[in-house]
Amino acid sequence: MTTGDRESFTLWATERQGALLRTAVLVTGDHQRAEDLVQEALTKVALRWGRLRDGQPDAYARTVIVRDNISWWRRHRRERVGLPEYDDRAAPVSGATSERQLMLRDALARLTARQRAVIVLRFYDDLTETQTADVLGVAVGTVKSQTHLALRRLREAAPQLAELLTEDS
């Protein structure tokens, strides 16, 4: 990596690390695993920076985070029983938003890993169905069906969350 590449990568990584961490925390529900996933993604982006710097390094990093999380989940799913426990450090909780954040974490914990990834990518990272499908490595139809199932499950698990969100409008 040349000095210019190193500087441009460092600038990009510094600017995007927080957003990538928030996405990873929402996808995993575990702050420590999210930090590990972001670190791994940044390493992989750095190794490919020559090709990615003029392209879409954010998209590549999100893809690494989501796919590595799915791989981790597949390796460990037999070891985990019940709902995943969200780490209290996952996101700051204070004031009026604390109740909403806790409800959202609990509701996301009730989703499967793939459903959680679809919801976070579509509605938190604001990706299109096609972009989400590319990140997850699935068909657009899978994204649509997983979104439908996840939203239905969220409505059933946390109807009060919808009420809180409509109060802000």
C-alpha atoms as a PDB file:
ATOM      1  CA  MET A   1       0.000   0.000   0.000  1.00  0.00           C
ATOM      2  CA  THR A   2       1.446   3.376  -0.966  1.00  0.00           C
ATOM      3  CA  THR A   3       1.538   6.311   1.427  1.00  0.00           C
ATOM      4  CA  GLY A   4      -1.355   7.990  -0.421  1.00  0.00           C
ATOM      5  CA  ASP A   5      -3.402   4.795  -0.287  1.00  0.00           C
ATOM      6  CA  ARG A   6      -2.648   4.400   3.409  1.00  0.00           C
ATOM      7  CA  GLU A   7      -3.774   7.972   4.097  1.00  0.00           C
ATOM      8  CA  SER A   8      -6.961   7.672   2.029  1.00  0.00           C
ATOM      9  CA  PHE A   9      -7.829   4.344   3.681  1.00  0.00           C
ATOM     10  CA  THR A  10      -7.199   5.767   7.156  1.00  0.00           C
ATOM     11  CA  LEU A  11      -9.415   8.763   6.389  1.00  0.00           C
ATOM     12  CA  TRP A  12     -12.214   6.534   5.053  1.00  0.00           C
ATOM     13  CA  ALA A  13     -11.934   4.086   7.957  1.00  0.00           C
ATOM     14  CA  THR A  14     -11.999   6.873  10.532  1.00  0.00           C
ATOM     15  CA  GLU A  15     -15.108   8.416   8.968  1.00  0.00           C
ATOM     16  CA  ARG A  16     -17.024   5.151   8.486  1.00  0.00           C
ATOM     17  CA  GLN A  17     -16.024   3.058  11.505  1.00  0.00           C
ATOM     18  CA  GLY A  18     -18.833   4.376  13.728  1.00  0.00           C
ATOM     19  CA  ALA A  19     -21.556   3.731  11.153  1.00  0.00           C
ATOM     20  CA  LEU A  20     -20.200   0.256  10.426  1.00  0.00           C
ATOM     21  CA  LEU A  21     -20.121  -0.513  14.145  1.00  0.00           C
ATOM     22  CA  ARG A  22     -23.739   0.603  14.602  1.00  0.00           C
ATOM     23  CA  THR A  23     -24.795  -1.635  11.728  1.00  0.00           C
ATOM     24  CA  ALA A  24     -22.812  -4.559  13.131  1.00  0.00           C
ATOM     25  CA  VAL A  25     -24.301  -4.090  16.611  1.00  0.00           C
ATOM     26  CA  LEU A  26     -27.826  -4.095  15.210  1.00  0.00           C
ATOM     27  CA  VAL A  27     -27.097  -7.164  13.077  1.00  0.00           C
ATOM     28  CA  THR A  28     -25.446  -9.154  15.879  1.00  0.00           C
ATOM     29  CA  GLY A  29     -26.918  -7.792  19.100  1.00  0.00           C
ATOM     30  CA  ASP A  30     -23.490  -8.279  20.653  1.00  0.00           C
ATOM     31  CA  HIS A  31     -21.165  -5.293  20.995  1.00  0.00           C
ATOM     32  CA  GLN A  32     -17.979  -7.338  21.276  1.00  0.00           C
ATOM     33  CA  ARG A  33     -18.752  -9.533  18.282  1.00  0.00           C
ATOM     34  CA  ALA A  34     -19.740  -6.403  16.353  1.00  0.00           C
ATOM     35  CA  GLU A  35     -16.372  -4.808  17.110  1.00  0.00           C
ATOM     36  CA  ASP A  36     -14.619  -7.972  15.911  1.00  0.00           C
ATOM     37  CA  LEU A  37     -16.666  -8.024  12.715  1.00  0.00           C
ATOM     38  CA  VAL A  38     -15.895  -4.366  11.982  1.00  0.00           C
ATOM     39  CA  GLN A  39     -12.190  -4.923  12.607  1.00  0.00           C
ATOM     40  CA  GLU A  40     -12.196  -7.887  10.246  1.00  0.00           C
ATOM     41  CA  ALA A  41     -14.105  -5.902   7.625  1.00  0.00           C
ATOM     42  CA  LEU A  42     -11.660  -2.992   7.871  1.00  0.00           C
ATOM     43  CA  THR A  43      -8.757  -5.408   7.471  1.00  0.00           C
ATOM     44  CA  LYS A  44     -10.306  -6.947   4.365  1.00  0.00           C
ATOM     45  CA  VAL A  45     -11.060  -3.516   2.902  1.00  0.00           C
ATOM     46  CA  ALA A  46      -7.463  -2.412   3.602  1.00  0.00           C
ATOM     47  CA  LEU A  47      -6.117  -5.449   1.751  1.00  0.00           C
ATOM     48  CA  ARG A  48      -8.244  -4.533  -1.283  1.00  0.00           C
ATOM     49  CA  TRP A  49      -8.067  -0.743  -0.961  1.00  0.00           C
ATOM     50  CA  GLY A  50      -6.393  -0.301  -4.356  1.00  0.00           C
ATOM     51  CA  ARG A  51      -9.501  -1.678  -6.052  1.00  0.00           C
ATOM     52  CA  LEU A  52     -12.105  -0.419  -3.585  1.00  0.00           C
ATOM     53  CA  ARG A  53     -11.082   3.196  -2.958  1.00  0.00           C
ATOM     54  CA  ASP A  54     -12.784   4.458  -6.136  1.00  0.00           C
ATOM     55  CA  GLY A  55     -15.648   1.986  -5.887  1.00  0.00           C
ATOM     56  CA  GLN A  56     -17.883   1.245  -2.940  1.00  0.00           C
ATOM     57  CA  PRO A  57     -15.814   0.350   0.121  1.00  0.00           C
ATOM     58  CA  ASP A  58     -18.862   0.835   2.393  1.00  0.00           C
ATOM     59  CA  ALA A  59     -20.833  -1.791   0.495  1.00  0.00           C
ATOM     60  CA  TYR A  60     -17.914  -4.216   0.603  1.00  0.00           C
ATOM     61  CA  ALA A  61     -17.420  -3.659   4.341  1.00  0.00           C
ATOM     62  CA  ARG A  62     -21.148  -4.214   5.053  1.00  0.00           C
ATOM     63  CA  THR A  63     -21.045  -7.385   2.981  1.00  0.00           C
ATOM     64  CA  VAL A  64     -18.096  -8.678   4.995  1.00  0.00           C
ATOM     65  CA  ILE A  65     -19.826  -7.831   8.287  1.00  0.00           C
ATOM     66  CA  VAL A  66     -23.101  -9.528   7.380  1.00  0.00           C
ATOM     67  CA  ARG A  67     -21.576 -12.605   5.770  1.00  0.00           C
ATOM     68  CA  ASP A  68     -19.021 -13.121   8.536  1.00  0.00           C
ATOM     69  CA  ASN A  69     -21.829 -12.803  11.084  1.00  0.00           C
ATOM     70  CA  ILE A  70     -23.896 -15.394   9.242  1.00  0.00           C
ATOM     71  CA  SER A  71     -20.873 -17.703   9.157  1.00  0.00           C
ATOM     72  CA  TRP A  72     -20.351 -17.210  12.893  1.00  0.00           C
ATOM     73  CA  TRP A  73     -24.031 -17.853  13.558  1.00  0.00           C
ATOM     74  CA  ARG A  74     -23.977 -21.057  11.518  1.00  0.00           C
ATOM     75  CA  ARG A  75     -20.962 -22.333  13.457  1.00  0.00           C
ATOM     76  CA  HIS A  76     -22.488 -21.505  16.848  1.00  0.00           C
ATOM     77  CA  ARG A  77     -26.253 -21.895  16.401  1.00  0.00           C
ATOM     78  CA  ARG A  78     -26.357 -25.298  18.039  1.00  0.00           C
ATOM     79  CA  GLU A  79     -24.634 -23.894  21.108  1.00  0.00           C
ATOM     80  CA  ARG A  80     -27.184 -21.121  21.669  1.00  0.00           C
ATOM     81  CA  VAL A  81     -30.587 -21.801  23.096  1.00  0.00           C
ATOM     82  CA  GLY A  82     -33.344 -19.189  23.182  1.00  0.00           C
ATOM     83  CA  LEU A  83     -33.176 -15.577  22.172  1.00  0.00           C
ATOM     84  CA  PRO A  84     -29.828 -13.848  21.739  1.00  0.00           C
ATOM     85  CA  GLU A  85     -29.020 -11.543  24.610  1.00  0.00           C
ATOM     86  CA  TYR A  86     -28.253  -8.026  23.556  1.00  0.00           C
ATOM     87  CA  ASP A  87     -25.281  -6.400  25.186  1.00  0.00           C
ATOM     88  CA  ASP A  88     -26.188  -3.361  27.302  1.00  0.00           C
ATOM     89  CA  ARG A  89     -23.352  -1.422  25.664  1.00  0.00           C
ATOM     90  CA  ALA A  90     -24.782  -2.025  22.188  1.00  0.00           C
ATOM     91  CA  ALA A  91     -26.143   1.492  21.874  1.00  0.00           C
ATOM     92  CA  PRO A  92     -26.405   4.416  24.224  1.00  0.00           C
ATOM     93  CA  VAL A  93     -29.664   4.438  26.117  1.00  0.00           C
ATOM     94  CA  SER A  94     -30.791   7.687  27.676  1.00  0.00           C
ATOM     95  CA  GLY A  95     -33.860   9.842  28.124  1.00  0.00           C
ATOM     96  CA  ALA A  96     -37.012   9.475  26.077  1.00  0.00           C
ATOM     97  CA  THR A  97     -35.427   7.228  23.476  1.00  0.00           C
ATOM     98  CA  SER A  98     -34.346   4.579  26.000  1.00  0.00           C
ATOM     99  CA  GLU A  99     -37.722   2.838  26.045  1.00  0.00           C
ATOM    100  CA  ARG A 100     -37.844   2.801  22.249  1.00  0.00           C
ATOM    101  CA  GLN A 101     -34.269   1.493  21.985  1.00  0.00           C
ATOM    102  CA  LEU A 102     -34.924  -1.291  24.476  1.00  0.00           C
ATOM    103  CA  MET A 103     -38.113  -2.320  22.677  1.00  0.00           C
ATOM    104  CA  LEU A 104     -36.286  -2.305  19.350  1.00  0.00           C
ATOM    105  CA  ARG A 105     -33.449  -4.458  20.729  1.00  0.00           C
ATOM    106  CA  ASP A 106     -35.912  -6.925  22.212  1.00  0.00           C
ATOM    107  CA  ALA A 107     -37.891  -7.069  18.983  1.00  0.00           C
ATOM    108  CA  LEU A 108     -34.739  -7.557  16.865  1.00  0.00           C
ATOM    109  CA  ALA A 109     -33.634 -10.337  19.207  1.00  0.00           C
ATOM    110  CA  ARG A 110     -36.756 -12.298  18.225  1.00  0.00           C
ATOM    111  CA  LEU A 111     -35.753 -12.358  14.554  1.00  0.00           C
ATOM    112  CA  THR A 112     -33.549 -14.919  12.882  1.00  0.00           C
ATOM    113  CA  ALA A 113     -30.046 -13.789  11.944  1.00  0.00           C
ATOM    114  CA  ARG A 114     -31.013 -13.391   8.282  1.00  0.00           C
ATOM    115  CA  GLN A 115     -34.229 -11.500   9.073  1.00  0.00           C
ATOM    116  CA  ARG A 116     -32.336  -9.177  11.406  1.00  0.00           C
ATOM    117  CA  ALA A 117     -29.718  -8.544   8.713  1.00  0.00           C
ATOM    118  CA  VAL A 118     -32.403  -7.777   6.121  1.00  0.00           C
ATOM    119  CA  ILE A 119     -34.215  -5.340   8.431  1.00  0.00           C
ATOM    120  CA  VAL A 120     -31.022  -3.541   9.445  1.00  0.00           C
ATOM    121  CA  LEU A 121     -29.734  -3.248   5.880  1.00  0.00           C
ATOM    122  CA  ARG A 122     -33.075  -2.196   4.393  1.00  0.00           C
ATOM    123  CA  PHE A 123     -34.337   0.212   7.029  1.00  0.00           C
ATOM    124  CA  TYR A 124     -31.311   1.303   9.051  1.00  0.00           C
ATOM    125  CA  ASP A 125     -28.693   1.448   6.288  1.00  0.00           C
ATOM    126  CA  ASP A 126     -31.407   2.404   3.772  1.00  0.00           C
ATOM    127  CA  LEU A 127     -30.310  -0.047   1.079  1.00  0.00           C
ATOM    128  CA  THR A 128     -32.545  -1.052  -1.789  1.00  0.00           C
ATOM    129  CA  GLU A 129     -33.794  -4.616  -2.136  1.00  0.00           C
ATOM    130  CA  THR A 130     -31.195  -5.218  -4.849  1.00  0.00           C
ATOM    131  CA  GLN A 131     -28.350  -3.807  -2.761  1.00  0.00           C
ATOM    132  CA  THR A 132     -29.466  -5.860   0.240  1.00  0.00           C
ATOM    133  CA  ALA A 133     -29.583  -8.996  -1.900  1.00  0.00           C
ATOM    134  CA  ASP A 134     -26.036  -8.285  -3.111  1.00  0.00           C
ATOM    135  CA  VAL A 135     -24.743  -7.823   0.433  1.00  0.00           C
ATOM    136  CA  LEU A 136     -26.404 -11.030   1.635  1.00  0.00           C
ATOM    137  CA  GLY A 137     -25.603 -13.007  -1.502  1.00  0.00           C
ATOM    138  CA  VAL A 138     -29.235 -14.002  -2.042  1.00  0.00           C
ATOM    139  CA  ALA A 139     -31.947 -13.362  -4.603  1.00  0.00           C
ATOM    140  CA  VAL A 140     -34.102 -10.223  -4.446  1.00  0.00           C
ATOM    141  CA  GLY A 141     -37.120 -12.474  -3.856  1.00  0.00           C
ATOM    142  CA  THR A 142     -35.463 -13.803  -0.712  1.00  0.00           C
ATOM    143  CA  VAL A 143     -34.966 -10.259   0.540  1.00  0.00           C
ATOM    144  CA  LYS A 144     -38.631  -9.496  -0.124  1.00  0.00           C
ATOM    145  CA  SER A 145     -39.886 -12.617   1.636  1.00  0.00           C
ATOM    146  CA  GLN A 146     -37.512 -12.204   4.601  1.00  0.00           C
ATOM    147  CA  THR A 147     -38.530  -8.547   4.932  1.00  0.00           C
ATOM    148  CA  HIS A 148     -42.196  -9.521   4.916  1.00  0.00           C
ATOM    149  CA  LEU A 149     -41.695 -12.244   7.521  1.00  0.00           C
ATOM    150  CA  ALA A 150     -39.476 -10.063   9.710  1.00  0.00           C
ATOM    151  CA  LEU A 151     -41.878  -7.111   9.668  1.00  0.00           C
ATOM    152  CA  ARG A 152     -44.771  -9.393  10.556  1.00  0.00           C
ATOM    153  CA  ARG A 153     -42.763 -10.880  13.400  1.00  0.00           C
ATOM    154  CA  LEU A 154     -41.782  -7.400  14.612  1.00  0.00           C
ATOM    155  CA  ARG A 155     -45.427  -6.265  14.553  1.00  0.00           C
ATOM    156  CA  GLU A 156     -46.414  -9.309  16.605  1.00  0.00           C
ATOM    157  CA  ALA A 157     -43.470  -9.070  19.019  1.00  0.00           C
ATOM    158  CA  ALA A 158     -43.597  -5.334  19.645  1.00  0.00           C
ATOM    159  CA  PRO A 159     -46.887  -3.665  18.663  1.00  0.00           C
ATOM    160  CA  GLN A 160     -46.098  -0.894  21.158  1.00  0.00           C
ATOM    161  CA  LEU A 161     -43.009   0.017  19.092  1.00  0.00           C
ATOM    162  CA  ALA A 162     -45.224   0.967  16.160  1.00  0.00           C
ATOM    163  CA  GLU A 163     -47.304   3.136  18.483  1.00  0.00           C
ATOM    164  CA  LEU A 164     -44.210   4.932  19.745  1.00  0.00           C
ATOM    165  CA  LEU A 165     -42.948   5.546  16.245  1.00  0.00           C
ATOM    166  CA  THR A 166     -46.253   7.053  15.107  1.00  0.00           C
ATOM    167  CA  GLU A 167     -46.201   9.458  18.092  1.00  0.00           C
ATOM    168  CA  ASP A 168     -43.141  11.175  16.579  1.00  0.00           C
ATOM    169  CA  SER A 169     -44.911  11.895  13.297  1.00  0.00           C
END
